[in-house]
Amino acid sequence: MDFSKKLDEEILKIAEPIMDNLIEGSNEFDYKKFSKDFSRLMMEAVPEEEFRSQLDKLNSTTGKIENKREFIGCVRRDTGVTILWAGYFEKIQGEVLSQLSLDEEGNEVKVFGVLVN
């Protein structure tokens, strides 16, 4: 598929719905929706118990993640891409950095990392 060779616009068409699921799943405490596009490695790294524990901490300090973001750019490596956005939390003034690392697993693009800080 050569995912990392795609243009930013093509990558965003794949990444935006994935990031939407991550944010919506997080805000709804819906692990199935949150982890829908996870790679096998991410499924092992973030089991449902860890998901719930992290959300409890996050929601008490920052509030929910707002589902609005501004695209910053793509960082490419061999086959993977990390997409960067400026994002927002309910209880934090100003922007935070949202990053989504996608790579190929089999014939599909999967989540290999996600960070909002």
C-alpha atoms as a PDB file:
ATOM      1  CA  MET A   1       0.000   0.000   0.000  1.00  0.00           C
ATOM      2  CA  ASP A   2       2.949   2.360   0.666  1.00  0.00           C
ATOM      3  CA  PHE A   3       0.894   4.361   3.145  1.00  0.00           C
ATOM      4  CA  SER A   4       3.760   6.720   3.985  1.00  0.00           C
ATOM      5  CA  LYS A   5       4.099   7.694   0.322  1.00  0.00           C
ATOM      6  CA  LYS A   6       0.564   9.068   0.108  1.00  0.00           C
ATOM      7  CA  LEU A   7      -0.106  12.814  -0.038  1.00  0.00           C
ATOM      8  CA  ASP A   8      -1.207  14.578   3.157  1.00  0.00           C
ATOM      9  CA  GLU A   9      -4.770  14.855   1.819  1.00  0.00           C
ATOM     10  CA  GLU A  10      -4.941  11.104   1.182  1.00  0.00           C
ATOM     11  CA  ILE A  11      -3.546  10.334   4.623  1.00  0.00           C
ATOM     12  CA  LEU A  12      -6.074  12.677   6.268  1.00  0.00           C
ATOM     13  CA  LYS A  13      -8.971  10.881   4.533  1.00  0.00           C
ATOM     14  CA  ILE A  14      -7.865   7.749   6.369  1.00  0.00           C
ATOM     15  CA  ALA A  15      -6.710   9.370   9.624  1.00  0.00           C
ATOM     16  CA  GLU A  16      -9.637  11.731  10.351  1.00  0.00           C
ATOM     17  CA  PRO A  17     -12.296   9.006  10.824  1.00  0.00           C
ATOM     18  CA  ILE A  18      -9.860   7.017  12.968  1.00  0.00           C
ATOM     19  CA  MET A  19      -9.140  10.042  15.172  1.00  0.00           C
ATOM     20  CA  ASP A  20     -12.896  10.734  15.376  1.00  0.00           C
ATOM     21  CA  ASN A  21     -13.442   7.177  16.706  1.00  0.00           C
ATOM     22  CA  LEU A  22     -10.652   7.614  19.243  1.00  0.00           C
ATOM     23  CA  ILE A  23     -12.031  10.908  20.530  1.00  0.00           C
ATOM     24  CA  GLU A  24     -15.681   9.843  20.508  1.00  0.00           C
ATOM     25  CA  GLY A  25     -14.862   6.480  22.095  1.00  0.00           C
ATOM     26  CA  SER A  26     -12.844   8.241  24.768  1.00  0.00           C
ATOM     27  CA  ASN A  27     -15.553  10.794  25.515  1.00  0.00           C
ATOM     28  CA  GLU A  28     -18.264   8.108  25.571  1.00  0.00           C
ATOM     29  CA  PHE A  29     -16.171   5.640  27.656  1.00  0.00           C
ATOM     30  CA  ASP A  30     -16.728   3.198  24.768  1.00  0.00           C
ATOM     31  CA  TYR A  31     -13.665   0.952  24.547  1.00  0.00           C
ATOM     32  CA  LYS A  32     -14.944  -0.924  21.491  1.00  0.00           C
ATOM     33  CA  LYS A  33     -15.260   2.306  19.511  1.00  0.00           C
ATOM     34  CA  PHE A  34     -11.986   3.682  20.919  1.00  0.00           C
ATOM     35  CA  SER A  35      -9.970   0.587  20.006  1.00  0.00           C
ATOM     36  CA  LYS A  36     -11.733  -0.206  16.724  1.00  0.00           C
ATOM     37  CA  ASP A  37      -8.685   0.572  14.567  1.00  0.00           C
ATOM     38  CA  PHE A  38      -5.940  -0.601  16.951  1.00  0.00           C
ATOM     39  CA  SER A  39      -3.070  -2.752  15.792  1.00  0.00           C
ATOM     40  CA  ARG A  40      -2.480  -6.011  17.657  1.00  0.00           C
ATOM     41  CA  LEU A  41       0.340  -4.308  19.545  1.00  0.00           C
ATOM     42  CA  MET A  42      -1.941  -1.455  20.691  1.00  0.00           C
ATOM     43  CA  MET A  43      -4.641  -3.914  21.793  1.00  0.00           C
ATOM     44  CA  GLU A  44      -2.057  -5.535  24.066  1.00  0.00           C
ATOM     45  CA  ALA A  45      -0.662  -2.197  25.287  1.00  0.00           C
ATOM     46  CA  VAL A  46      -4.040  -0.609  26.075  1.00  0.00           C
ATOM     47  CA  PRO A  47      -6.480  -3.186  27.436  1.00  0.00           C
ATOM     48  CA  GLU A  48      -9.932  -2.029  28.507  1.00  0.00           C
ATOM     49  CA  GLU A  49      -8.973  -1.763  32.195  1.00  0.00           C
ATOM     50  CA  GLU A  50      -6.086   0.592  31.341  1.00  0.00           C
ATOM     51  CA  PHE A  51      -8.374   2.613  29.053  1.00  0.00           C
ATOM     52  CA  ARG A  52     -10.875   3.165  31.880  1.00  0.00           C
ATOM     53  CA  SER A  53      -8.182   3.976  34.435  1.00  0.00           C
ATOM     54  CA  GLN A  54      -6.521   6.559  32.198  1.00  0.00           C
ATOM     55  CA  LEU A  55      -9.856   8.176  31.300  1.00  0.00           C
ATOM     56  CA  ASP A  56     -10.818   8.539  34.946  1.00  0.00           C
ATOM     57  CA  LYS A  57      -7.584  10.454  35.585  1.00  0.00           C
ATOM     58  CA  LEU A  58      -7.827  12.469  32.385  1.00  0.00           C
ATOM     59  CA  ASN A  59     -11.448  13.543  32.799  1.00  0.00           C
ATOM     60  CA  SER A  60     -10.878  14.747  36.354  1.00  0.00           C
ATOM     61  CA  THR A  61      -7.983  17.020  35.348  1.00  0.00           C
ATOM     62  CA  THR A  62      -8.528  18.055  31.730  1.00  0.00           C
ATOM     63  CA  GLY A  63     -12.105  17.151  30.933  1.00  0.00           C
ATOM     64  CA  LYS A  64     -13.161  15.549  27.692  1.00  0.00           C
ATOM     65  CA  ILE A  65     -11.253  15.947  24.439  1.00  0.00           C
ATOM     66  CA  GLU A  66     -13.034  18.330  22.109  1.00  0.00           C
ATOM     67  CA  ASN A  67     -13.646  16.886  18.667  1.00  0.00           C
ATOM     68  CA  LYS A  68     -12.231  19.873  16.856  1.00  0.00           C
ATOM     69  CA  ARG A  69      -8.660  20.044  15.685  1.00  0.00           C
ATOM     70  CA  GLU A  70      -6.399  21.860  13.278  1.00  0.00           C
ATOM     71  CA  PHE A  71      -4.065  19.884  11.047  1.00  0.00           C
ATOM     72  CA  ILE A  72      -0.368  20.673  11.543  1.00  0.00           C
ATOM     73  CA  GLY A  73       1.375  18.104   9.370  1.00  0.00           C
ATOM     74  CA  CYS A  74       2.513  14.544   8.758  1.00  0.00           C
ATOM     75  CA  VAL A  75       5.786  12.998   9.869  1.00  0.00           C
ATOM     76  CA  ARG A  76       6.711  10.018   7.688  1.00  0.00           C
ATOM     77  CA  ARG A  77       8.940   7.020   8.320  1.00  0.00           C
ATOM     78  CA  ASP A  78       9.391   3.687   6.481  1.00  0.00           C
ATOM     79  CA  THR A  79       5.759   2.658   6.100  1.00  0.00           C
ATOM     80  CA  GLY A  80       4.152   4.640   8.898  1.00  0.00           C
ATOM     81  CA  VAL A  81       2.993   8.188   9.402  1.00  0.00           C
ATOM     82  CA  THR A  82       2.387  10.286  12.515  1.00  0.00           C
ATOM     83  CA  ILE A  83      -0.300  12.894  11.963  1.00  0.00           C
ATOM     84  CA  LEU A  84      -0.153  16.032  14.114  1.00  0.00           C
ATOM     85  CA  TRP A  85      -3.026  18.330  15.046  1.00  0.00           C
ATOM     86  CA  ALA A  86      -3.568  21.179  17.465  1.00  0.00           C
ATOM     87  CA  GLY A  87      -6.416  19.978  19.674  1.00  0.00           C
ATOM     88  CA  TYR A  88      -8.397  21.085  22.693  1.00  0.00           C
ATOM     89  CA  PHE A  89      -9.646  19.830  26.073  1.00  0.00           C
ATOM     90  CA  GLU A  90     -12.722  21.060  27.942  1.00  0.00           C
ATOM     91  CA  LYS A  91     -10.874  22.283  31.031  1.00  0.00           C
ATOM     92  CA  ILE A  92      -7.621  23.535  29.486  1.00  0.00           C
ATOM     93  CA  GLN A  93      -7.207  26.947  27.948  1.00  0.00           C
ATOM     94  CA  GLY A  94      -5.323  26.910  24.655  1.00  0.00           C
ATOM     95  CA  GLU A  95      -4.094  24.168  22.401  1.00  0.00           C
ATOM     96  CA  VAL A  96      -2.655  20.728  23.033  1.00  0.00           C
ATOM     97  CA  LEU A  97      -0.716  18.522  20.638  1.00  0.00           C
ATOM     98  CA  SER A  98      -2.623  15.547  19.279  1.00  0.00           C
ATOM     99  CA  GLN A  99      -0.689  12.874  17.467  1.00  0.00           C
ATOM    100  CA  LEU A 100      -1.822   9.679  15.800  1.00  0.00           C
ATOM    101  CA  SER A 101       0.706   7.112  14.561  1.00  0.00           C
ATOM    102  CA  LEU A 102      -0.606   4.906  11.788  1.00  0.00           C
ATOM    103  CA  ASP A 103       1.114   2.062  10.002  1.00  0.00           C
ATOM    104  CA  GLU A 104       0.216  -0.918   7.896  1.00  0.00           C
ATOM    105  CA  GLU A 105      -0.724  -4.242   9.461  1.00  0.00           C
ATOM    106  CA  GLY A 106      -1.542  -6.794   6.841  1.00  0.00           C
ATOM    107  CA  ASN A 107      -3.441  -4.851   4.177  1.00  0.00           C
ATOM    108  CA  GLU A 108      -4.991  -2.357   6.601  1.00  0.00           C
ATOM    109  CA  VAL A 109      -3.909   0.899   8.192  1.00  0.00           C
ATOM    110  CA  LYS A 110      -3.958   0.530  11.980  1.00  0.00           C
ATOM    111  CA  VAL A 111      -3.250   2.655  15.052  1.00  0.00           C
ATOM    112  CA  PHE A 112       0.216   2.082  16.504  1.00  0.00           C
ATOM    113  CA  GLY A 113       0.182   5.069  18.844  1.00  0.00           C
ATOM    114  CA  VAL A 114      -1.971   7.943  19.991  1.00  0.00           C
ATOM    115  CA  LEU A 115      -1.099  10.810  22.296  1.00  0.00           C
ATOM    116  CA  VAL A 116      -2.906  13.973  23.284  1.00  0.00           C
ATOM    117  CA  ASN A 117      -0.980  16.313  25.580  1.00  0.00           C
END
